Amino acid sequence: MRLLRWVPVLAACALLLGSLAGCSLFMHSIEKPKASVRDVSISAAGLGGVSGQLQLDVTNPNGFGVPLAGVDWELSIGGARAVTGTVQLSQTIPARGVAPVATSLTVAASDALAVAAALSGGARGYTVRARLHFSTPVGQLDVDVEHAGTLGGGGGLGAAARGVLGLR
């Protein structure tokens, strides 16, 4: 009879341990998506500022589609932050697939002056930092990506105005 009193307690413990093990397996079954910068380009420059585009390739290693909810990004030239932005998205990255994600870049004229000063001082290096926000079954998942490169064209802001400032 004493053993019968412990049966419900043992059953509850077994159920709890089974549930925890199941949650643990579920948590480990989601792999973090990856992103790489495909291209950063400047398409126009003028008195109002500079505009261009940031293109990413986002890879989903999971066996199910993952919704990309948004991207926060920052572009720095010569170590000085040139521009930041946030884009809200509603794009699903397919299961075990790669999807292109593009967002526009706009550098206001006041920020463009600081960038022009850095460029005229000889700065040619740039860095793009982005944080991608995914909505997953277990909550929001953020993926950081950073890409550095050298400005082409060599003509500073004048080259940008001519659309020759290819960031690669």
Foldseek 3Di string as FASTA:
>chain_A
DVVVVCVVVVVVVVVVVVVVVVVVVVVVQADDKAKDWPFWFWAAQDQFFTKTKTKMKIFGAHQAKWWWQKKWKWKDWLNHTQDIDIDGDGDIAGHRHIDMDMDMDTGGNVSLVVQLVSVVVPIFKMKMKMWIWIQDPVGIDIDIDMDMFGWPPSPGVVCSNVRNRTTD
